[in-house]
C-alpha atoms as a PDB file:
ATOM      1  CA  MET A   1      43.018   0.273  45.049  1.00  0.00           C
ATOM      2  CA  LYS A   2      39.232   1.862  45.046  1.00  0.00           C
ATOM      3  CA  LEU A   3      36.471  -0.112  44.348  1.00  0.00           C
ATOM      4  CA  PRO A   4      34.070   0.981  41.681  1.00  0.00           C
ATOM      5  CA  PRO A   5      30.377   3.023  43.030  1.00  0.00           C
ATOM      6  CA  TYR A   6      28.367   0.235  41.919  1.00  0.00           C
ATOM      7  CA  ILE A   7      30.238  -2.032  43.722  1.00  0.00           C
ATOM      8  CA  GLN A   8      30.971  -0.659  46.704  1.00  0.00           C
ATOM      9  CA  LYS A   9      27.248  -0.309  47.378  1.00  0.00           C
ATOM     10  CA  TYR A  10      26.870  -4.331  47.285  1.00  0.00           C
ATOM     11  CA  LEU A  11      29.481  -4.336  49.683  1.00  0.00           C
ATOM     12  CA  ASP A  12      28.329  -2.233  52.288  1.00  0.00           C
ATOM     13  CA  LEU A  13      26.847  -4.222  55.507  1.00  0.00           C
ATOM     14  CA  SER A  14      26.266  -0.819  57.898  1.00  0.00           C
ATOM     15  CA  THR A  15      22.521  -0.830  57.093  1.00  0.00           C
ATOM     16  CA  PHE A  16      22.363  -4.927  56.322  1.00  0.00           C
ATOM     17  CA  ASN A  17      19.782  -6.286  58.699  1.00  0.00           C
ATOM     18  CA  TRP A  18      21.525  -9.326  59.454  1.00  0.00           C
ATOM     19  CA  TYR A  19      17.819 -10.889  61.194  1.00  0.00           C
ATOM     20  CA  ARG A  20      16.569 -11.276  57.819  1.00  0.00           C
ATOM     21  CA  LEU A  21      19.842 -13.441  56.230  1.00  0.00           C
ATOM     22  CA  LEU A  22      19.457 -15.352  58.929  1.00  0.00           C
ATOM     23  CA  LEU A  23      15.565 -16.278  57.784  1.00  0.00           C
ATOM     24  CA  VAL A  24      16.748 -16.780  54.458  1.00  0.00           C
ATOM     25  CA  LEU A  25      19.518 -19.221  56.066  1.00  0.00           C
ATOM     26  CA  VAL A  26      16.649 -21.069  57.910  1.00  0.00           C
ATOM     27  CA  ILE A  27      14.475 -21.459  54.418  1.00  0.00           C
ATOM     28  CA  LEU A  28      17.883 -22.415  52.406  1.00  0.00           C
ATOM     29  CA  LEU A  29      18.539 -25.326  55.246  1.00  0.00           C
ATOM     30  CA  ILE A  30      14.592 -26.326  55.338  1.00  0.00           C
ATOM     31  CA  GLY A  31      15.178 -26.822  51.406  1.00  0.00           C
ATOM     32  CA  VAL A  32      18.587 -28.888  52.019  1.00  0.00           C
ATOM     33  CA  GLY A  33      17.225 -31.078  54.474  1.00  0.00           C
ATOM     34  CA  LEU A  34      14.205 -31.681  52.589  1.00  0.00           C
ATOM     35  CA  ARG A  35      16.310 -32.331  49.401  1.00  0.00           C
ATOM     36  CA  LEU A  36      18.638 -34.513  51.055  1.00  0.00           C
ATOM     37  CA  TYR A  37      16.152 -36.558  52.833  1.00  0.00           C
ATOM     38  CA  ALA A  38      15.784 -40.572  51.529  1.00  0.00           C
ATOM     39  CA  LEU A  39      18.152 -39.222  48.967  1.00  0.00           C
ATOM     40  CA  GLU A  40      19.882 -42.847  48.581  1.00  0.00           C
ATOM     41  CA  ASP A  41      16.598 -44.714  48.409  1.00  0.00           C
ATOM     42  CA  ILE A  42      16.095 -46.240  44.631  1.00  0.00           C
ATOM     43  CA  TYR A  43      12.719 -45.715  42.869  1.00  0.00           C
ATOM     44  CA  LEU A  44      13.368 -47.076  39.905  1.00  0.00           C
ATOM     45  CA  TRP A  45      13.023 -44.031  37.804  1.00  0.00           C
ATOM     46  CA  ALA A  46      14.240 -43.680  34.020  1.00  0.00           C
ATOM     47  CA  ASP A  47      16.927 -41.417  35.345  1.00  0.00           C
ATOM     48  CA  GLU A  48      18.335 -44.015  37.474  1.00  0.00           C
ATOM     49  CA  THR A  49      19.121 -46.004  34.754  1.00  0.00           C
ATOM     50  CA  ASP A  50      20.080 -43.707  31.782  1.00  0.00           C
ATOM     51  CA  TRP A  51      22.819 -42.125  33.856  1.00  0.00           C
ATOM     52  CA  PHE A  52      23.472 -44.156  37.351  1.00  0.00           C
ATOM     53  CA  ASP A  53      24.571 -47.442  35.315  1.00  0.00           C
ATOM     54  CA  GLU A  54      27.379 -49.939  34.917  1.00  0.00           C
ATOM     55  CA  GLU A  55      28.748 -47.079  32.889  1.00  0.00           C
ATOM     56  CA  ILE A  56      30.251 -44.668  35.388  1.00  0.00           C
ATOM     57  CA  TYR A  57      31.004 -47.284  38.602  1.00  0.00           C
ATOM     58  CA  GLY A  58      32.525 -50.688  38.281  1.00  0.00           C
ATOM     59  CA  GLU A  59      34.131 -52.579  35.557  1.00  0.00           C
ATOM     60  CA  LYS A  60      33.173 -51.488  32.836  1.00  0.00           C
ATOM     61  CA  SER A  61      33.039 -47.834  33.921  1.00  0.00           C
ATOM     62  CA  MET A  62      33.587 -45.657  31.223  1.00  0.00           C
ATOM     63  CA  SER A  63      36.769 -42.718  31.105  1.00  0.00           C
ATOM     64  CA  LEU A  64      35.282 -39.598  31.640  1.00  0.00           C
ATOM     65  CA  ARG A  65      35.301 -37.844  27.531  1.00  0.00           C
ATOM     66  CA  LYS A  66      33.494 -41.416  26.450  1.00  0.00           C
ATOM     67  CA  TYR A  67      30.873 -41.540  29.374  1.00  0.00           C
ATOM     68  CA  ALA A  68      29.975 -37.662  28.512  1.00  0.00           C
ATOM     69  CA  ALA A  69      29.823 -38.285  24.810  1.00  0.00           C
ATOM     70  CA  LEU A  70      27.688 -41.631  24.980  1.00  0.00           C
ATOM     71  CA  LYS A  71      24.829 -40.052  27.155  1.00  0.00           C
ATOM     72  CA  ALA A  72      25.062 -36.017  24.857  1.00  0.00           C
ATOM     73  CA  SER A  73      24.216 -38.598  21.992  1.00  0.00           C
ATOM     74  CA  TYR A  74      21.386 -40.496  24.059  1.00  0.00           C
ATOM     75  CA  HIS A  75      20.021 -37.528  25.327  1.00  0.00           C
ATOM     76  CA  THR A  76      18.961 -33.833  24.694  1.00  0.00           C
ATOM     77  CA  VAL A  77      21.405 -32.709  26.914  1.00  0.00           C
ATOM     78  CA  GLY A  78      24.486 -31.128  26.548  1.00  0.00           C
ATOM     79  CA  PRO A  79      28.112 -33.257  27.768  1.00  0.00           C
ATOM     80  CA  GLY A  80      28.632 -31.368  30.903  1.00  0.00           C
ATOM     81  CA  TRP A  81      25.820 -32.797  33.110  1.00  0.00           C
ATOM     82  CA  PRO A  82      27.396 -36.120  32.304  1.00  0.00           C
ATOM     83  CA  ILE A  83      30.956 -34.531  33.160  1.00  0.00           C
ATOM     84  CA  ILE A  84      29.459 -33.298  36.526  1.00  0.00           C
ATOM     85  CA  VAL A  85      27.547 -36.575  37.453  1.00  0.00           C
ATOM     86  CA  SER A  86      30.600 -38.664  36.389  1.00  0.00           C
ATOM     87  CA  LEU A  87      33.242 -36.550  38.492  1.00  0.00           C
ATOM     88  CA  THR A  88      30.669 -36.498  41.533  1.00  0.00           C
ATOM     89  CA  CYS A  89      31.184 -40.524  41.704  1.00  0.00           C
ATOM     90  CA  ARG A  90      34.255 -40.910  41.004  1.00  0.00           C
ATOM     91  CA  ALA A  91      35.492 -38.220  43.883  1.00  0.00           C
ATOM     92  CA  PHE A  92      32.620 -39.565  46.401  1.00  0.00           C
ATOM     93  CA  GLY A  93      31.841 -43.335  45.316  1.00  0.00           C
ATOM     94  CA  GLY A  94      30.016 -44.947  42.301  1.00  0.00           C
ATOM     95  CA  LYS A  95      26.056 -44.954  44.995  1.00  0.00           C
ATOM     96  CA  ALA A  96      22.891 -43.849  43.751  1.00  0.00           C
ATOM     97  CA  ALA A  97      22.721 -40.669  46.831  1.00  0.00           C
ATOM     98  CA  VAL A  98      26.309 -39.591  45.490  1.00  0.00           C
ATOM     99  CA  ALA A  99      25.143 -39.445  41.573  1.00  0.00           C
ATOM    100  CA  ARG A 100      21.681 -36.999  42.783  1.00  0.00           C
ATOM    101  CA  ILE A 101      24.240 -34.570  45.074  1.00  0.00           C
ATOM    102  CA  PRO A 102      24.480 -31.884  42.173  1.00  0.00           C
ATOM    103  CA  SER A 103      20.920 -32.357  41.487  1.00  0.00           C
ATOM    104  CA  VAL A 104      20.290 -31.553  45.246  1.00  0.00           C
ATOM    105  CA  LEU A 105      23.324 -28.395  45.535  1.00  0.00           C
ATOM    106  CA  PHE A 106      21.581 -26.911  42.066  1.00  0.00           C
ATOM    107  CA  GLY A 107      17.934 -27.251  43.693  1.00  0.00           C
ATOM    108  CA  ALA A 108      19.373 -25.258  46.834  1.00  0.00           C
ATOM    109  CA  ALA A 109      20.617 -22.334  44.661  1.00  0.00           C
ATOM    110  CA  ALA A 110      17.630 -22.087  43.343  1.00  0.00           C
ATOM    111  CA  ILE A 111      15.811 -20.676  46.234  1.00  0.00           C
ATOM    112  CA  LEU A 112      18.612 -18.394  46.978  1.00  0.00           C
ATOM    113  CA  ALA A 113      18.700 -17.350  42.962  1.00  0.00           C
ATOM    114  CA  ILE A 114      14.742 -16.992  43.047  1.00  0.00           C
ATOM    115  CA  PHE A 115      14.654 -14.597  46.372  1.00  0.00           C
ATOM    116  CA  SER A 116      17.498 -12.394  44.724  1.00  0.00           C
ATOM    117  CA  LEU A 117      14.651 -12.214  41.108  1.00  0.00           C
ATOM    118  CA  VAL A 118      11.883 -11.278  43.385  1.00  0.00           C
ATOM    119  CA  TYR A 119      13.671  -8.876  45.854  1.00  0.00           C
ATOM    120  CA  ARG A 120      15.390  -7.176  42.702  1.00  0.00           C
ATOM    121  CA  VAL A 121      12.079  -7.113  40.618  1.00  0.00           C
ATOM    122  CA  LEU A 122      10.324  -5.810  43.535  1.00  0.00           C
ATOM    123  CA  GLN A 123      12.988  -3.618  44.993  1.00  0.00           C
ATOM    124  CA  SER A 124      12.096  -0.589  43.225  1.00  0.00           C
ATOM    125  CA  HIS A 125       8.262  -0.939  42.978  1.00  0.00           C
ATOM    126  CA  LEU A 126       7.047  -1.191  46.070  1.00  0.00           C
ATOM    127  CA  ARG A 127       6.564   1.496  48.838  1.00  0.00           C
ATOM    128  CA  GLY A 128       7.258  -0.905  51.653  1.00  0.00           C
ATOM    129  CA  SER A 129       9.685  -4.066  52.057  1.00  0.00           C
ATOM    130  CA  ALA A 130      10.305  -6.050  49.288  1.00  0.00           C
ATOM    131  CA  PHE A 131      11.822  -8.807  51.336  1.00  0.00           C
ATOM    132  CA  LEU A 132       8.599 -10.292  52.342  1.00  0.00           C
ATOM    133  CA  PRO A 133       7.123 -11.484  49.147  1.00  0.00           C
ATOM    134  CA  ALA A 134      10.723 -12.799  47.986  1.00  0.00           C
ATOM    135  CA  PHE A 135      10.798 -14.322  51.126  1.00  0.00           C
ATOM    136  CA  TYR A 136       7.792 -16.137  50.420  1.00  0.00           C
ATOM    137  CA  ALA A 137       9.068 -17.068  46.821  1.00  0.00           C
ATOM    138  CA  ALA A 138      11.889 -18.780  48.817  1.00  0.00           C
ATOM    139  CA  LEU A 139      10.100 -20.436  50.665  1.00  0.00           C
ATOM    140  CA  LEU A 140       7.672 -21.862  48.333  1.00  0.00           C
ATOM    141  CA  THR A 141      11.071 -23.141  46.360  1.00  0.00           C
ATOM    142  CA  ALA A 142      11.811 -24.425  48.936  1.00  0.00           C
ATOM    143  CA  ILE A 143       8.925 -26.884  49.887  1.00  0.00           C
ATOM    144  CA  SER A 144       7.467 -27.324  46.353  1.00  0.00           C
ATOM    145  CA  ILE A 145       6.721 -30.942  45.566  1.00  0.00           C
ATOM    146  CA  LEU A 146       8.128 -30.486  41.701  1.00  0.00           C
ATOM    147  CA  GLN A 147      11.403 -29.306  42.651  1.00  0.00           C
ATOM    148  CA  LEU A 148      12.201 -31.569  45.846  1.00  0.00           C
ATOM    149  CA  GLU A 149      11.535 -34.610  42.690  1.00  0.00           C
ATOM    150  CA  PHE A 150      13.596 -32.545  40.477  1.00  0.00           C
ATOM    151  CA  SER A 151      16.331 -32.058  43.072  1.00  0.00           C
ATOM    152  CA  GLN A 152      16.775 -36.143  43.345  1.00  0.00           C
ATOM    153  CA  ARG A 153      16.963 -37.113  40.332  1.00  0.00           C
ATOM    154  CA  THR A 154      20.378 -37.480  38.142  1.00  0.00           C
ATOM    155  CA  TYR A 155      18.390 -35.682  35.393  1.00  0.00           C
ATOM    156  CA  PRO A 156      19.696 -32.183  35.172  1.00  0.00           C
ATOM    157  CA  PHE A 157      15.964 -31.046  35.557  1.00  0.00           C
ATOM    158  CA  ALA A 158      17.238 -29.365  39.132  1.00  0.00           C
ATOM    159  CA  ALA A 159      19.621 -27.137  37.592  1.00  0.00           C
ATOM    160  CA  ILE A 160      16.798 -25.407  34.795  1.00  0.00           C
ATOM    161  CA  PRO A 161      15.010 -23.351  37.578  1.00  0.00           C
ATOM    162  CA  VAL A 162      18.529 -21.289  39.321  1.00  0.00           C
ATOM    163  CA  LEU A 163      20.328 -21.447  35.593  1.00  0.00           C
ATOM    164  CA  THR A 164      17.147 -19.904  34.388  1.00  0.00           C
ATOM    165  CA  THR A 165      16.773 -17.147  37.446  1.00  0.00           C
ATOM    166  CA  LEU A 166      20.251 -15.942  36.895  1.00  0.00           C
ATOM    167  CA  ILE A 167      20.303 -15.397  33.087  1.00  0.00           C
ATOM    168  CA  VAL A 168      16.959 -13.015  34.102  1.00  0.00           C
ATOM    169  CA  ILE A 169      18.606 -11.368  36.742  1.00  0.00           C
ATOM    170  CA  LEU A 170      21.688 -11.065  34.371  1.00  0.00           C
ATOM    171  CA  HIS A 171      19.587  -9.612  31.971  1.00  0.00           C
ATOM    172  CA  LEU A 172      17.473  -7.450  34.034  1.00  0.00           C
ATOM    173  CA  GLU A 173      20.182  -5.458  35.320  1.00  0.00           C
ATOM    174  CA  MET A 174      22.086  -5.297  31.906  1.00  0.00           C
ATOM    175  CA  VAL A 175      18.626  -3.227  30.734  1.00  0.00           C
ATOM    176  CA  ARG A 176      18.523  -1.213  33.934  1.00  0.00           C
ATOM    177  CA  VAL A 177      22.011   0.043  32.932  1.00  0.00           C
ATOM    178  CA  ILE A 178      21.542   0.584  28.966  1.00  0.00           C
ATOM    179  CA  GLN A 179      18.059   2.639  30.061  1.00  0.00           C
ATOM    180  CA  SER A 180      19.667   4.575  33.232  1.00  0.00           C
ATOM    181  CA  ASP A 181      20.348   8.458  32.303  1.00  0.00           C
ATOM    182  CA  LYS A 182      23.994   7.680  32.780  1.00  0.00           C
ATOM    183  CA  VAL A 183      25.268   4.302  31.393  1.00  0.00           C
ATOM    184  CA  SER A 184      28.268   2.595  32.712  1.00  0.00           C
ATOM    185  CA  ILE A 185      29.912   1.179  30.310  1.00  0.00           C
ATOM    186  CA  GLY A 186      32.338  -0.898  32.937  1.00  0.00           C
ATOM    187  CA  LYS A 187      28.577  -1.809  35.040  1.00  0.00           C
ATOM    188  CA  PHE A 188      27.221  -3.221  31.696  1.00  0.00           C
ATOM    189  CA  SER A 189      30.753  -5.088  30.705  1.00  0.00           C
ATOM    190  CA  ILE A 190      30.039  -7.142  34.529  1.00  0.00           C
ATOM    191  CA  PHE A 191      27.001  -7.945  34.021  1.00  0.00           C
ATOM    192  CA  ALA A 192      27.614  -8.929  30.623  1.00  0.00           C
ATOM    193  CA  PHE A 193      30.165 -11.352  31.335  1.00  0.00           C
ATOM    194  CA  LEU A 194      28.111 -12.965  34.095  1.00  0.00           C
ATOM    195  CA  TYR A 195      25.766 -13.468  31.325  1.00  0.00           C
ATOM    196  CA  THR A 196      27.557 -14.585  28.610  1.00  0.00           C
ATOM    197  CA  LEU A 197      29.222 -17.208  31.362  1.00  0.00           C
ATOM    198  CA  VAL A 198      26.006 -18.492  33.017  1.00  0.00           C
ATOM    199  CA  GLY A 199      24.772 -18.506  29.608  1.00  0.00           C
ATOM    200  CA  GLY A 200      27.813 -20.547  28.069  1.00  0.00           C
ATOM    201  CA  PHE A 201      27.263 -22.932  31.196  1.00  0.00           C
ATOM    202  CA  SER A 202      24.004 -23.485  30.542  1.00  0.00           C
ATOM    203  CA  ILE A 203      24.102 -24.382  26.644  1.00  0.00           C
ATOM    204  CA  PHE A 204      26.606 -26.662  27.950  1.00  0.00           C
ATOM    205  CA  LEU A 205      24.634 -28.457  30.549  1.00  0.00           C
ATOM    206  CA  HIS A 206      21.031 -28.793  28.465  1.00  0.00           C
ATOM    207  CA  MET A 207      20.229 -27.609  24.741  1.00  0.00           C
ATOM    208  CA  SER A 208      17.064 -26.142  26.200  1.00  0.00           C
ATOM    209  CA  PHE A 209      18.338 -23.000  27.725  1.00  0.00           C
ATOM    210  CA  SER A 210      18.940 -21.675  24.166  1.00  0.00           C
ATOM    211  CA  VAL A 211      15.365 -20.898  24.022  1.00  0.00           C
ATOM    212  CA  VAL A 212      15.871 -18.846  27.225  1.00  0.00           C
ATOM    213  CA  ILE A 213      18.558 -17.337  25.970  1.00  0.00           C
ATOM    214  CA  GLY A 214      17.057 -16.562  22.519  1.00  0.00           C
ATOM    215  CA  GLY A 215      14.411 -14.919  24.333  1.00  0.00           C
ATOM    216  CA  SER A 216      16.734 -12.781  26.135  1.00  0.00           C
ATOM    217  CA  PHE A 217      18.491 -11.661  22.873  1.00  0.00           C
ATOM    218  CA  LEU A 218      14.617 -11.307  21.315  1.00  0.00           C
ATOM    219  CA  CYS A 219      14.257  -8.710  24.065  1.00  0.00           C
ATOM    220  CA  PHE A 220      17.347  -7.086  23.509  1.00  0.00           C
ATOM    221  CA  LEU A 221      16.875  -6.086  19.784  1.00  0.00           C
ATOM    222  CA  VAL A 222      13.202  -5.069  20.951  1.00  0.00           C
ATOM    223  CA  LEU A 223      14.924  -2.570  23.290  1.00  0.00           C
ATOM    224  CA  VAL A 224      17.702  -1.599  21.410  1.00  0.00           C
ATOM    225  CA  ALA A 225      15.244  -1.064  18.245  1.00  0.00           C
ATOM    226  CA  ARG A 226      13.076   1.249  20.484  1.00  0.00           C
ATOM    227  CA  PHE A 227      15.899   3.497  20.940  1.00  0.00           C
ATOM    228  CA  LEU A 228      16.929   3.344  17.304  1.00  0.00           C
END
């Protein structure tokens, strides 16, 4: 089966610069290493008592459904984040470091997401390569004190940068398809599906993502109004 041209373009490695991939991987490893450093330390943050408590481990531990419903009723999060934290602790043990692993993963993923966003936005606007500014953006994300702190807490704060960035990337890709001379329904459908998937998952984690998605829809309405 022959793949569509716009998918073949992303899979074409004949002109790929492998040393750039190596540099990005180095930045990613630095970011992961910083986020894992002293991950098991107890700082008596509020999120430790709010999430990593006897309701998730020990004799008073609740079922997954009850735990998710209880935490979602206490906080502004959706049921998704309590489910992720609970499943992680059930699978790998009831320890503070284990409860923070989801935040570490989301925080590390933000490094790649920020790199992709900056590279994609500047790619068509710079005469030179967009790799350098995207690389610096990824580096700043990797070593940002605020991002490091969020990546070591059990609140879903670390998920906000990466998921918001993915929503913006997919939003821009759909806009590019609409504004192109020849609109590809297949290409738009793929990005729209991914947009719905990421957007739905984001709201499942935290209701604040509805603001991001609402702003995205508003921009779409303005774009459609220009064509009417």
